[in-house]
Amino acid sequence: MQRRNFTAALASLPLAACSRSGQDSAETVLRFAWWGGAGRHEATLKAIAAFERQNPGLKIKAEYMGFNGYLERLTTQIAGGSEPDIMQINWAWLAMFSKRGSGFADLGQYSRHIALNQFSAEDLDSGRVEGKLNALPSAFTARVFLWNVAAFQRAGLGLPKTWDDLFNAGRVFKEKLGDQAYPLDGELYDMILLSQTWVQQKYGTPYVDPSAPRVAMSPEAALEWVRFYRRLIAEHVATPLPLRASLGGAEKPTEQQQDWVVGNWAGNFTWDSTIPLRAATLDKNQKMVLGDFLVQPGAKGTGMFGRPTVMLAMGRNTRHGELAARFINFLLTDPDAIRLLGKTRGVPAAKAQFEVLAQANKLPPLELAAHHQIKQQRDAGQVPVPAKLFEHARLHKFMREVFETVAYGKTTDEEAARRLVEEGNALLKRIK
């Protein structure tokens, strides 16, 4: 009831009180930019209309598109000071646009208009830069193992419970199901993250230090990072990059791969938010399940990699900060809003919105199981907020380039590891 009263109190504020312009205008306009597919667009437009009905005299100008080109447009707008009042961003973009916390408005200054108590401390920390709350997450996602149990049954195997089980599956799949069968598929970045998970469990450090712009891995750990990736391919565990490239593109999503559809490729290490996509294309003879998260005996952590899915930020040049804050609050925490938005931006981070979907049985069992697996690890402190620089576009490109040279046999493991440490450190200092 207290939550309802809080929302009602926000909605009752007159628009004039939320405008910094001091002008009496017949219509106040807010610009809201986001990317997505048709489902997200349709749901978001309905939510916008609902907020406008609650606030006569307000017009929210929707600026939406697919992902391609969105970052380029936003970069130009921010550079020119013409960014939207509210914008959907990727978590990693905080490191690009707000290195000192001043690239976006500080939402902490609008706490009277945003139900920050709906978010966990970790979720709030993920949007802070230099102590300023630059963005709020719509949802949290992390890497999980998905397995096609029917394929493992055809191979006469149980689902992997250990890393040894996974590597044994590579040998068995090849012997019993043929050269075209692999227990695991993934794009290059999937395999980079999977290999980092193994190394982080052994050494206790990710690639990038979360508190400083430097490589956290020792040269020894970086070498094992490279060797583990090579082992995945050499022992027939994961689909080789050249094979994926020959089948329509190395980065072609798993669910679009025919070998995944018919069960030749039996697993995926992926974001839990992609579960609906992966399941949608399997033929009727396949069955996808959530797997255990593989952890080495005596590991120094699970190495589970998680981060916000998408976030909402406020433009630092907005003239309607209080109204923009209220709109962000509506989208991310309001129970009525989530009935319109559903899971179009992931399983909601806000407690009230999550409860609405859970009580209405709007969270499919597999997605709910993945959510609980991740939450259990987060509650145990096993999914620390990673370095924002880790997914910086320039570092991402660099890591891919290094591992591509490994995948195509163009470098030695030692040289690749040296580059990851030495060139990685140099790049991080430039983009910090």
Protein backbone atom coordinates (compact mmCIF):
# COMPACT_ATOMS: atom_id res chain seq x y z
CA MET A 1 0.00 0.00 0.00
CA GLN A 2 2.88 2.31 0.84
CA ARG A 3 4.33 1.68 -2.64
CA ARG A 4 1.00 2.59 -4.27
CA ASN A 5 0.78 5.79 -2.26
CA PHE A 6 4.32 6.69 -3.29
CA THR A 7 3.48 6.22 -6.97
CA ALA A 8 0.27 8.17 -6.64
CA ALA A 9 2.08 11.02 -4.94
CA LEU A 10 4.55 11.24 -7.82
CA ALA A 11 1.80 11.18 -10.39
CA SER A 12 -0.03 14.01 -8.62
CA LEU A 13 2.81 16.49 -9.06
CA PRO A 14 1.88 19.11 -11.68
CA LEU A 15 4.01 19.20 -14.80
CA ALA A 16 4.94 22.79 -14.15
CA ALA A 17 6.62 21.69 -10.94
CA CYS A 18 8.75 19.22 -12.90
CA SER A 19 9.95 21.68 -15.52
CA ARG A 20 13.15 23.64 -15.12
CA SER A 21 12.33 25.95 -17.97
CA GLY A 22 9.99 28.13 -15.89
CA GLN A 23 7.80 28.57 -18.95
CA ASP A 24 4.06 28.05 -19.05
CA SER A 25 3.71 25.82 -22.06
CA ALA A 26 0.63 24.08 -23.32
CA GLU A 27 2.67 20.94 -23.82
CA THR A 28 5.84 19.69 -22.18
CA VAL A 29 7.91 17.41 -24.41
CA LEU A 30 10.33 14.73 -23.28
CA ARG A 31 12.44 12.74 -25.72
CA PHE A 32 12.98 9.04 -25.00
CA ALA A 33 15.37 6.96 -27.12
CA TRP A 34 15.74 3.20 -27.14
CA TRP A 35 16.60 0.30 -29.41
CA GLY A 36 14.99 -3.09 -29.73
CA GLY A 37 12.72 -5.30 -31.79
CA ALA A 38 9.05 -5.03 -32.64
CA GLY A 39 7.89 -6.49 -29.32
CA ARG A 40 9.87 -4.00 -27.25
CA HIS A 41 8.76 -1.12 -29.43
CA GLU A 42 5.08 -1.99 -29.19
CA ALA A 43 5.15 -2.53 -25.42
CA THR A 44 7.14 0.66 -24.79
CA LEU A 45 4.76 2.77 -26.86
CA LYS A 46 1.87 1.44 -24.77
CA ALA A 47 3.72 2.34 -21.57
CA ILE A 48 4.44 5.82 -22.91
CA ALA A 49 0.76 6.31 -23.69
CA ALA A 50 -0.18 5.20 -20.17
CA PHE A 51 2.24 7.70 -18.59
CA GLU A 52 0.97 10.48 -20.83
CA ARG A 53 -2.62 9.72 -19.72
CA GLN A 54 -1.50 10.07 -16.11
CA ASN A 55 0.13 13.41 -16.93
CA PRO A 56 -2.08 15.65 -19.11
CA GLY A 57 -0.03 18.21 -20.97
CA LEU A 58 2.93 15.87 -21.40
CA LYS A 59 4.16 14.55 -24.73
CA ILE A 60 6.89 11.92 -24.86
CA LYS A 61 8.59 11.84 -28.22
CA ALA A 62 9.60 8.25 -28.98
CA GLU A 63 12.91 7.85 -30.79
CA TYR A 64 13.36 4.14 -31.40
CA MET A 65 15.20 1.92 -33.84
CA GLY A 66 17.05 -1.38 -34.13
CA PHE A 67 20.43 -1.74 -32.47
CA ASN A 68 22.44 -1.11 -35.64
CA GLY A 69 23.26 2.57 -35.80
CA TYR A 70 21.86 3.40 -32.36
CA LEU A 71 25.23 3.85 -30.66
CA GLU A 72 26.55 5.97 -33.52
CA ARG A 73 23.52 8.26 -33.36
CA LEU A 74 23.68 8.55 -29.58
CA THR A 75 27.41 9.29 -29.69
CA THR A 76 26.79 12.18 -32.08
CA GLN A 77 23.94 13.52 -29.96
CA ILE A 78 25.89 13.40 -26.70
CA ALA A 79 28.91 15.04 -28.31
CA GLY A 80 26.67 17.86 -29.55
CA GLY A 81 24.73 18.28 -26.32
CA SER A 82 21.47 17.26 -28.02
CA GLU A 83 20.96 13.88 -26.36
CA PRO A 84 17.43 12.73 -25.43
CA ASP A 85 16.01 13.49 -22.00
CA ILE A 86 15.83 9.76 -21.25
CA MET A 87 17.82 7.13 -23.09
CA GLN A 88 18.34 3.39 -23.03
CA ILE A 89 22.03 2.51 -22.82
CA ASN A 90 24.24 -0.51 -22.47
CA TRP A 91 25.99 -0.89 -19.15
CA ALA A 92 29.41 -0.75 -20.81
CA TRP A 93 28.63 2.64 -22.34
CA LEU A 94 29.00 4.27 -18.93
CA ALA A 95 32.75 3.84 -19.41
CA MET A 96 32.52 5.53 -22.81
CA PHE A 97 30.22 8.45 -22.10
CA SER A 98 30.71 9.14 -18.39
CA LYS A 99 34.26 8.39 -17.33
CA ARG A 100 34.06 10.77 -14.35
CA GLY A 101 30.35 10.44 -13.67
CA SER A 102 29.37 13.69 -15.37
CA GLY A 103 28.28 12.32 -18.74
CA PHE A 104 24.72 11.73 -17.57
CA ALA A 105 22.54 13.34 -14.91
CA ASP A 106 23.00 12.10 -11.36
CA LEU A 107 19.78 10.20 -10.61
CA GLY A 108 20.69 10.23 -6.94
CA GLN A 109 19.67 13.88 -6.91
CA TYR A 110 16.16 12.83 -7.90
CA SER A 111 15.70 10.17 -5.23
CA ARG A 112 12.45 11.84 -4.14
CA HIS A 113 11.00 10.87 -7.50
CA ILE A 114 12.54 7.39 -7.95
CA ALA A 115 11.85 4.36 -5.75
CA LEU A 116 15.51 3.41 -5.34
CA ASN A 117 14.53 0.99 -2.56
CA GLN A 118 13.15 -1.26 -5.28
CA PHE A 119 16.71 -2.09 -6.38
CA SER A 120 19.40 -4.13 -4.66
CA ALA A 121 22.60 -2.44 -3.54
CA GLU A 122 24.47 -4.30 -6.29
CA ASP A 123 22.05 -3.06 -8.95
CA LEU A 124 22.51 0.51 -7.78
CA ASP A 125 26.30 0.11 -7.69
CA SER A 126 26.28 -1.11 -11.29
CA GLY A 127 25.00 2.30 -12.40
CA ARG A 128 27.34 4.44 -10.31
CA VAL A 129 30.38 6.23 -11.71
CA GLU A 130 32.60 8.18 -9.32
CA GLY A 131 29.83 8.07 -6.73
CA LYS A 132 27.15 9.43 -9.08
CA LEU A 133 24.14 7.33 -10.01
CA ASN A 134 24.28 7.64 -13.79
CA ALA A 135 21.83 4.89 -14.73
CA LEU A 136 19.41 2.29 -13.40
CA PRO A 137 19.12 -1.28 -14.69
CA SER A 138 15.95 -2.70 -16.14
CA ALA A 139 17.20 -6.23 -15.44
CA PHE A 140 20.28 -8.26 -14.63
CA THR A 141 21.64 -11.04 -16.79
CA ALA A 142 24.45 -13.55 -16.36
CA ARG A 143 26.04 -16.45 -18.19
CA VAL A 144 24.49 -19.89 -17.72
CA PHE A 145 24.83 -23.33 -19.30
CA LEU A 146 21.98 -24.53 -21.51
CA TRP A 147 21.92 -28.17 -22.61
CA ASN A 148 19.87 -30.16 -25.10
CA VAL A 149 19.17 -33.18 -22.91
CA ALA A 150 17.93 -35.22 -25.90
CA ALA A 151 21.33 -34.89 -27.62
CA PHE A 152 23.17 -36.03 -24.50
CA GLN A 153 20.83 -39.01 -24.22
CA ARG A 154 21.62 -39.98 -27.82
CA ALA A 155 25.29 -39.90 -26.87
CA GLY A 156 24.59 -42.03 -23.81
CA LEU A 157 25.71 -39.28 -21.43
CA GLY A 158 24.31 -37.43 -18.48
CA LEU A 159 24.48 -33.65 -18.44
CA PRO A 160 27.87 -32.19 -17.44
CA LYS A 161 28.29 -31.67 -13.72
CA THR A 162 32.03 -30.95 -13.80
CA TRP A 163 34.58 -29.55 -16.23
CA ASP A 164 35.90 -33.08 -16.70
CA ASP A 165 32.38 -34.17 -17.74
CA LEU A 166 32.35 -31.44 -20.36
CA PHE A 167 35.65 -32.46 -21.90
CA ASN A 168 34.70 -36.13 -21.81
CA ALA A 169 31.53 -35.21 -23.71
CA GLY A 170 33.63 -33.81 -26.54
CA ARG A 171 35.29 -37.18 -27.07
CA VAL A 172 32.04 -39.17 -26.76
CA PHE A 173 30.07 -36.90 -29.08
CA LYS A 174 32.70 -37.32 -31.79
CA GLU A 175 32.86 -41.11 -31.36
CA LYS A 176 29.13 -41.81 -31.12
CA LEU A 177 27.45 -38.96 -32.99
CA GLY A 178 30.08 -38.04 -35.58
CA ASP A 179 32.44 -35.22 -36.47
CA GLN A 180 29.56 -32.76 -36.93
CA ALA A 181 28.35 -33.17 -33.32
CA TYR A 182 29.62 -30.92 -30.52
CA PRO A 183 28.47 -30.67 -26.91
CA LEU A 184 28.87 -26.89 -26.96
CA ASP A 185 28.35 -24.08 -29.42
CA GLY A 186 28.96 -20.38 -29.10
CA GLU A 187 30.15 -17.26 -30.79
CA LEU A 188 33.75 -16.22 -30.16
CA TYR A 189 32.82 -13.92 -27.28
CA ASP A 190 30.91 -16.78 -25.63
CA MET A 191 34.05 -18.89 -25.67
CA ILE A 192 36.22 -16.00 -24.45
CA LEU A 193 33.92 -15.61 -21.45
CA LEU A 194 33.74 -19.35 -20.82
CA SER A 195 37.53 -19.56 -20.81
CA GLN A 196 37.75 -16.54 -18.50
CA THR A 197 35.35 -18.31 -16.12
CA TRP A 198 37.68 -21.29 -15.82
CA VAL A 199 40.75 -19.08 -15.28
CA GLN A 200 38.93 -16.88 -12.76
CA GLN A 201 37.95 -19.96 -10.75
CA LYS A 202 41.60 -21.05 -10.60
CA TYR A 203 43.33 -17.72 -10.04
CA GLY A 204 40.58 -15.59 -8.50
CA THR A 205 40.92 -12.70 -10.95
CA PRO A 206 39.08 -11.67 -14.11
CA TYR A 207 40.87 -10.19 -17.10
CA VAL A 208 40.26 -6.54 -16.18
CA ASP A 209 40.62 -5.16 -12.67
CA PRO A 210 37.21 -3.78 -11.60
CA SER A 211 38.81 -0.99 -9.53
CA ALA A 212 41.58 0.25 -11.84
CA PRO A 213 42.22 0.47 -15.61
CA ARG A 214 44.65 -2.42 -15.77
CA VAL A 215 44.86 -6.10 -16.62
CA ALA A 216 44.24 -8.14 -13.46
CA MET A 217 45.44 -11.47 -14.87
CA SER A 218 49.04 -12.46 -14.34
CA PRO A 219 51.01 -13.56 -17.43
CA GLU A 220 50.59 -17.14 -16.21
CA ALA A 221 46.81 -16.79 -15.93
CA ALA A 222 46.57 -15.11 -19.34
CA LEU A 223 48.47 -18.02 -20.88
CA GLU A 224 45.99 -20.47 -19.35
CA TRP A 225 43.14 -18.32 -20.68
CA VAL A 226 44.45 -18.83 -24.20
CA ARG A 227 45.27 -22.51 -23.69
CA PHE A 228 41.85 -23.28 -22.25
CA TYR A 229 40.19 -21.73 -25.31
CA ARG A 230 42.45 -23.77 -27.60
CA ARG A 231 41.66 -26.91 -25.60
CA LEU A 232 37.91 -26.41 -26.08
CA ILE A 233 38.46 -26.58 -29.82
CA ALA A 234 41.21 -29.22 -29.92
CA GLU A 235 39.24 -31.70 -27.81
CA HIS A 236 36.06 -31.36 -29.87
CA VAL A 237 34.11 -29.65 -27.08
CA ALA A 238 33.17 -26.39 -28.81
CA THR A 239 32.45 -25.57 -32.43
CA PRO A 240 35.58 -24.11 -34.11
CA LEU A 241 35.44 -20.53 -35.32
CA PRO A 242 36.35 -21.45 -38.93
CA LEU A 243 33.47 -23.95 -38.99
CA ARG A 244 30.99 -21.34 -37.82
CA ALA A 245 32.37 -18.90 -40.40
CA SER A 246 31.75 -21.45 -43.15
CA LEU A 247 28.12 -21.81 -42.11
CA GLY A 248 26.94 -18.29 -42.76
CA GLY A 249 29.11 -16.20 -40.48
CA ALA A 250 31.24 -16.72 -37.39
CA GLU A 251 28.91 -14.59 -35.27
CA LYS A 252 25.67 -16.08 -36.53
CA PRO A 253 23.50 -16.64 -33.41
CA THR A 254 23.25 -20.19 -32.13
CA GLU A 255 19.48 -20.42 -32.58
CA GLN A 256 19.91 -19.70 -36.30
CA GLN A 257 22.34 -22.58 -36.77
CA GLN A 258 20.74 -25.67 -38.33
CA ASP A 259 23.02 -27.95 -36.31
CA TRP A 260 21.56 -26.45 -33.14
CA VAL A 261 18.00 -26.84 -34.41
CA VAL A 262 18.39 -30.59 -35.02
CA GLY A 263 20.54 -31.28 -31.96
CA ASN A 264 24.00 -31.81 -33.46
CA TRP A 265 25.24 -28.92 -31.32
CA ALA A 266 23.98 -29.70 -27.85
CA GLY A 267 24.83 -26.83 -25.54
CA ASN A 268 25.34 -23.12 -25.17
CA PHE A 269 27.10 -20.86 -22.67
CA THR A 270 25.01 -17.73 -22.92
CA TRP A 271 23.07 -14.96 -21.22
CA ASP A 272 19.98 -16.18 -19.39
CA SER A 273 18.07 -13.45 -21.24
CA THR A 274 18.56 -15.38 -24.51
CA ILE A 275 16.76 -18.51 -23.27
CA PRO A 276 13.55 -17.77 -25.27
CA LEU A 277 15.59 -17.31 -28.46
CA ARG A 278 17.59 -20.52 -28.01
CA ALA A 279 14.49 -22.59 -27.21
CA ALA A 280 12.31 -21.18 -29.98
CA THR A 281 14.03 -22.87 -32.92
CA LEU A 282 14.65 -26.39 -31.55
CA ASP A 283 12.77 -29.09 -33.43
CA LYS A 284 10.25 -31.32 -31.65
CA ASN A 285 12.83 -34.04 -30.93
CA GLN A 286 15.01 -31.76 -28.81
CA LYS A 287 14.61 -30.50 -25.25
CA MET A 288 16.57 -27.65 -23.71
CA VAL A 289 17.27 -27.54 -19.97
CA LEU A 290 19.26 -25.38 -17.58
CA GLY A 291 22.54 -26.95 -16.51
CA ASP A 292 24.56 -26.74 -13.32
CA PHE A 293 27.14 -23.99 -13.30
CA LEU A 294 30.48 -25.76 -13.66
CA VAL A 295 32.95 -25.01 -10.86
CA GLN A 296 36.43 -26.41 -10.21
CA PRO A 297 37.10 -28.13 -6.88
CA GLY A 298 38.61 -25.58 -4.51
CA ALA A 299 37.75 -22.70 -6.84
CA LYS A 300 38.46 -19.14 -5.67
CA GLY A 301 35.03 -18.10 -6.96
CA THR A 302 32.50 -19.28 -9.50
CA GLY A 303 33.66 -16.87 -12.18
CA MET A 304 30.03 -16.28 -13.15
CA PHE A 305 29.92 -13.19 -15.35
CA GLY A 306 26.88 -10.97 -14.95
CA ARG A 307 25.86 -7.41 -15.64
CA PRO A 308 22.76 -5.27 -16.24
CA THR A 309 20.93 -6.02 -19.48
CA VAL A 310 20.01 -2.50 -20.51
CA MET A 311 19.87 0.63 -18.38
CA LEU A 312 17.99 3.91 -18.41
CA ALA A 313 19.89 7.17 -18.04
CA MET A 314 18.90 10.83 -18.01
CA GLY A 315 20.55 13.35 -20.31
CA ARG A 316 22.66 15.83 -18.41
CA ASN A 317 21.23 18.68 -20.50
CA THR A 318 17.57 17.95 -19.87
CA ARG A 319 15.42 20.89 -18.77
CA HIS A 320 12.85 18.60 -17.20
CA GLY A 321 14.86 16.55 -14.74
CA GLU A 322 12.12 15.83 -12.20
CA LEU A 323 9.63 14.77 -14.86
CA ALA A 324 12.26 12.62 -16.59
CA ALA A 325 13.03 10.98 -13.23
CA ARG A 326 9.34 10.22 -12.73
CA PHE A 327 9.14 8.62 -16.16
CA ILE A 328 12.22 6.46 -15.45
CA ASN A 329 10.61 5.46 -12.16
CA PHE A 330 7.39 4.52 -13.96
CA LEU A 331 9.13 2.35 -16.53
CA LEU A 332 11.42 0.55 -14.07
CA THR A 333 9.41 0.21 -10.85
CA ASP A 334 5.69 0.75 -11.45
CA PRO A 335 3.53 -2.44 -11.26
CA ASP A 336 1.14 -1.14 -13.91
CA ALA A 337 3.99 -0.39 -16.30
CA ILE A 338 5.37 -3.93 -16.14
CA ARG A 339 1.97 -5.33 -17.08
CA LEU A 340 2.45 -3.49 -20.38
CA LEU A 341 6.19 -4.01 -20.78
CA GLY A 342 6.43 -7.66 -19.70
CA LYS A 343 9.91 -9.12 -20.22
CA THR A 344 10.78 -6.92 -23.19
CA ARG A 345 13.79 -5.60 -21.24
CA GLY A 346 14.47 -8.77 -19.29
CA VAL A 347 13.27 -10.16 -15.97
CA PRO A 348 12.79 -6.90 -14.02
CA ALA A 349 15.30 -5.88 -11.39
CA ALA A 350 12.76 -3.88 -9.37
CA LYS A 351 11.14 -5.99 -6.65
CA ALA A 352 7.56 -4.83 -7.25
CA GLN A 353 7.72 -5.47 -10.98
CA PHE A 354 9.27 -8.91 -10.52
CA GLU A 355 6.49 -9.86 -8.11
CA VAL A 356 3.82 -8.80 -10.60
CA LEU A 357 5.21 -11.07 -13.33
CA ALA A 358 5.85 -13.96 -10.93
CA GLN A 359 2.36 -13.84 -9.44
CA ALA A 360 0.82 -13.68 -12.91
CA ASN A 361 2.90 -16.71 -14.07
CA LYS A 362 4.49 -14.57 -16.76
CA LEU A 363 7.95 -16.01 -16.11
CA PRO A 364 8.44 -19.35 -17.93
CA PRO A 365 9.88 -22.13 -15.73
CA LEU A 366 13.26 -22.30 -17.48
CA GLU A 367 13.80 -18.55 -17.29
CA LEU A 368 12.68 -18.50 -13.67
CA ALA A 369 15.08 -21.34 -12.82
CA ALA A 370 17.96 -19.44 -14.43
CA HIS A 371 16.97 -16.30 -12.54
CA HIS A 372 17.05 -18.19 -9.24
CA GLN A 373 20.41 -19.81 -10.09
CA ILE A 374 21.92 -16.41 -10.75
CA LYS A 375 20.29 -14.80 -7.71
CA GLN A 376 21.63 -17.54 -5.47
CA GLN A 377 25.15 -16.84 -6.70
CA ARG A 378 24.69 -13.08 -6.38
CA ASP A 379 23.36 -13.39 -2.84
CA ALA A 380 26.45 -15.45 -2.00
CA GLY A 381 28.70 -12.71 -3.37
CA GLN A 382 29.86 -14.87 -6.27
CA VAL A 383 28.89 -12.49 -9.11
CA PRO A 384 30.87 -9.29 -8.44
CA VAL A 385 30.18 -6.26 -10.59
CA PRO A 386 32.78 -6.53 -13.36
CA ALA A 387 34.90 -3.72 -14.73
CA LYS A 388 32.88 -1.53 -17.07
CA LEU A 389 35.96 -1.26 -19.27
CA PHE A 390 35.81 -5.01 -19.91
CA GLU A 391 32.98 -4.47 -22.41
CA HIS A 392 34.31 -1.21 -23.78
CA ALA A 393 33.98 -1.39 -27.57
CA ARG A 394 37.72 -0.90 -28.18
CA LEU A 395 38.80 -3.51 -25.64
CA HIS A 396 36.16 -5.91 -26.90
CA LYS A 397 37.52 -5.54 -30.43
CA PHE A 398 41.07 -6.09 -29.18
CA MET A 399 40.22 -9.29 -27.29
CA ARG A 400 38.35 -10.67 -30.28
CA GLU A 401 41.26 -9.94 -32.59
CA VAL A 402 43.73 -11.73 -30.31
CA PHE A 403 41.55 -14.82 -29.92
CA GLU A 404 40.81 -14.88 -33.65
CA THR A 405 44.52 -15.23 -34.32
CA VAL A 406 44.49 -18.21 -31.98
CA ALA A 407 41.40 -19.71 -33.61
CA TYR A 408 42.95 -19.51 -37.08
CA GLY A 409 46.40 -20.71 -35.99
CA LYS A 410 48.12 -17.41 -36.75
CA THR A 411 49.93 -17.04 -33.44
CA THR A 412 51.39 -19.02 -30.58
CA ASP A 413 49.70 -19.29 -27.20
CA GLU A 414 52.60 -17.44 -25.60
CA GLU A 415 52.41 -14.53 -28.03
CA ALA A 416 48.64 -14.23 -27.62
CA ALA A 417 49.00 -14.20 -23.83
CA ARG A 418 51.74 -11.58 -24.00
CA ARG A 419 49.52 -9.34 -26.12
CA LEU A 420 46.58 -9.76 -23.78
CA VAL A 421 48.68 -8.52 -20.86
CA GLU A 422 51.01 -5.95 -22.39
CA GLU A 423 48.84 -4.50 -25.17
CA GLY A 424 45.76 -4.87 -22.99
CA ASN A 425 47.34 -2.73 -20.27
CA ALA A 426 48.36 -0.08 -22.79
CA LEU A 427 44.87 0.05 -24.29
CA LEU A 428 43.17 0.28 -20.91
CA LYS A 429 45.32 3.28 -19.98
CA ARG A 430 44.30 5.02 -23.21
CA ILE A 431 40.57 4.48 -22.83
CA LYS A 432 40.25 4.89 -19.05
